[in-house]
């Protein structure tokens, strides 16, 4: 049995942070948020979300990567390895 997606893409929220094509910064952390209120920060709570942001927006000017993203989950190191591959 194949499941169909239940997400209505027409009601999807707009991405946080600057518009695609504008300078931006990536903050990869499963719990914390950036200390400053710089609007360039785009927060990703998982490696998969960080990869999706980079694929959509291009390379960030700055990246803050948390190593420990939870037991059994990919880490900031996994993202860095993907990024340089």
C-alpha atoms as a PDB file:
ATOM      1  CA  UNK A   1       0.000   0.000   0.000  1.00  0.00           C
ATOM      2  CA  UNK A   2       1.463   3.335  -1.037  1.00  0.00           C
ATOM      3  CA  UNK A   3       0.742   6.404   1.076  1.00  0.00           C
ATOM      4  CA  UNK A   4      -0.029   9.727  -0.550  1.00  0.00           C
ATOM      5  CA  UNK A   5       1.439  12.929   0.878  1.00  0.00           C
ATOM      6  CA  UNK A   6      -0.955  14.841   3.100  1.00  0.00           C
ATOM      7  CA  UNK A   7       0.840  18.190   2.883  1.00  0.00           C
ATOM      8  CA  UNK A   8      -1.079  20.908   1.070  1.00  0.00           C
ATOM      9  CA  UNK A   9       1.767  22.772  -0.644  1.00  0.00           C
ATOM     10  CA  UNK A  10      -0.447  25.793  -1.321  1.00  0.00           C
ATOM     11  CA  UNK A  11      -0.618  26.427   2.445  1.00  0.00           C
ATOM     12  CA  UNK A  12       3.096  25.916   3.064  1.00  0.00           C
ATOM     13  CA  UNK A  13       4.650  28.698   5.121  1.00  0.00           C
ATOM     14  CA  UNK A  14       7.211  30.990   3.586  1.00  0.00           C
ATOM     15  CA  UNK A  15      10.803  30.107   4.465  1.00  0.00           C
ATOM     16  CA  UNK A  16      12.395  32.104   7.267  1.00  0.00           C
ATOM     17  CA  UNK A  17      15.378  34.297   6.650  1.00  0.00           C
ATOM     18  CA  UNK A  18      16.418  36.279   3.615  1.00  0.00           C
ATOM     19  CA  UNK A  19      14.980  35.715   0.154  1.00  0.00           C
ATOM     20  CA  UNK A  20      16.603  33.146  -2.098  1.00  0.00           C
ATOM     21  CA  UNK A  21      19.582  34.776  -3.797  1.00  0.00           C
ATOM     22  CA  UNK A  22      20.251  37.165  -0.896  1.00  0.00           C
ATOM     23  CA  UNK A  23      23.246  36.747   1.447  1.00  0.00           C
ATOM     24  CA  UNK A  24      22.413  34.334   4.248  1.00  0.00           C
ATOM     25  CA  UNK A  25      23.926  32.380   7.140  1.00  0.00           C
ATOM     26  CA  UNK A  26      23.180  28.783   8.168  1.00  0.00           C
ATOM     27  CA  UNK A  27      22.609  27.820  11.819  1.00  0.00           C
ATOM     28  CA  UNK A  28      22.482  24.024  12.200  1.00  0.00           C
ATOM     29  CA  UNK A  29      21.431  23.049  15.715  1.00  0.00           C
ATOM     30  CA  UNK A  30      18.704  20.781  17.075  1.00  0.00           C
ATOM     31  CA  UNK A  31      17.996  22.840  20.215  1.00  0.00           C
ATOM     32  CA  UNK A  32      19.552  26.293  20.253  1.00  0.00           C
ATOM     33  CA  UNK A  33      18.971  29.429  18.209  1.00  0.00           C
ATOM     34  CA  UNK A  34      21.439  32.164  17.246  1.00  0.00           C
ATOM     35  CA  UNK A  35      22.221  34.599  20.060  1.00  0.00           C
ATOM     36  CA  UNK A  36      21.952  37.679  17.882  1.00  0.00           C
ATOM     37  CA  UNK A  37      18.903  38.795  15.944  1.00  0.00           C
ATOM     38  CA  UNK A  38      20.679  38.946  12.593  1.00  0.00           C
ATOM     39  CA  UNK A  39      17.974  38.355   9.963  1.00  0.00           C
ATOM     40  CA  UNK A  40      20.456  36.509   7.745  1.00  0.00           C
ATOM     41  CA  UNK A  41      20.335  33.406   9.969  1.00  0.00           C
ATOM     42  CA  UNK A  42      18.371  30.467   8.601  1.00  0.00           C
ATOM     43  CA  UNK A  43      17.889  27.789  11.259  1.00  0.00           C
ATOM     44  CA  UNK A  44      18.044  24.110  10.315  1.00  0.00           C
ATOM     45  CA  UNK A  45      17.239  21.508  12.975  1.00  0.00           C
ATOM     46  CA  UNK A  46      18.667  18.536  11.027  1.00  0.00           C
ATOM     47  CA  UNK A  47      21.333  17.803   8.437  1.00  0.00           C
ATOM     48  CA  UNK A  48      18.613  17.051   5.896  1.00  0.00           C
ATOM     49  CA  UNK A  49      17.036  20.471   6.481  1.00  0.00           C
ATOM     50  CA  UNK A  50      20.455  22.149   6.164  1.00  0.00           C
ATOM     51  CA  UNK A  51      21.141  20.372   2.869  1.00  0.00           C
ATOM     52  CA  UNK A  52      17.713  21.418   1.559  1.00  0.00           C
ATOM     53  CA  UNK A  53      18.416  25.077   2.466  1.00  0.00           C
ATOM     54  CA  UNK A  54      21.798  25.044   0.712  1.00  0.00           C
ATOM     55  CA  UNK A  55      20.288  23.406  -2.364  1.00  0.00           C
ATOM     56  CA  UNK A  56      17.525  26.042  -2.450  1.00  0.00           C
ATOM     57  CA  UNK A  57      19.542  29.154  -1.519  1.00  0.00           C
ATOM     58  CA  UNK A  58      23.109  28.405  -2.590  1.00  0.00           C
ATOM     59  CA  UNK A  59      26.192  28.664  -0.395  1.00  0.00           C
ATOM     60  CA  UNK A  60      25.823  30.571   2.884  1.00  0.00           C
ATOM     61  CA  UNK A  61      28.215  33.379   3.796  1.00  0.00           C
ATOM     62  CA  UNK A  62      28.587  31.899   7.270  1.00  0.00           C
ATOM     63  CA  UNK A  63      27.707  28.578   8.897  1.00  0.00           C
ATOM     64  CA  UNK A  64      27.388  27.594  12.547  1.00  0.00           C
ATOM     65  CA  UNK A  65      27.290  23.795  12.869  1.00  0.00           C
ATOM     66  CA  UNK A  66      26.411  21.875  16.023  1.00  0.00           C
ATOM     67  CA  UNK A  67      28.164  18.510  16.196  1.00  0.00           C
ATOM     68  CA  UNK A  68      25.678  16.678  18.439  1.00  0.00           C
ATOM     69  CA  UNK A  69      22.247  16.712  16.799  1.00  0.00           C
ATOM     70  CA  UNK A  70      20.845  13.855  18.869  1.00  0.00           C
ATOM     71  CA  UNK A  71      21.524  10.176  19.365  1.00  0.00           C
ATOM     72  CA  UNK A  72      21.548   8.223  16.125  1.00  0.00           C
ATOM     73  CA  UNK A  73      21.142  11.315  13.950  1.00  0.00           C
ATOM     74  CA  UNK A  74      23.579  12.782  11.462  1.00  0.00           C
ATOM     75  CA  UNK A  75      25.890  15.450  12.872  1.00  0.00           C
ATOM     76  CA  UNK A  76      27.333  18.788  11.821  1.00  0.00           C
ATOM     77  CA  UNK A  77      30.375  16.804  10.642  1.00  0.00           C
ATOM     78  CA  UNK A  78      28.160  14.861   8.223  1.00  0.00           C
ATOM     79  CA  UNK A  79      26.895  18.157   6.814  1.00  0.00           C
ATOM     80  CA  UNK A  80      30.455  19.497   6.479  1.00  0.00           C
ATOM     81  CA  UNK A  81      31.525  16.339   4.637  1.00  0.00           C
ATOM     82  CA  UNK A  82      28.543  16.653   2.279  1.00  0.00           C
ATOM     83  CA  UNK A  83      29.339  20.326   1.774  1.00  0.00           C
ATOM     84  CA  UNK A  84      32.939  19.749   0.637  1.00  0.00           C
ATOM     85  CA  UNK A  85      32.252  16.588  -1.401  1.00  0.00           C
END
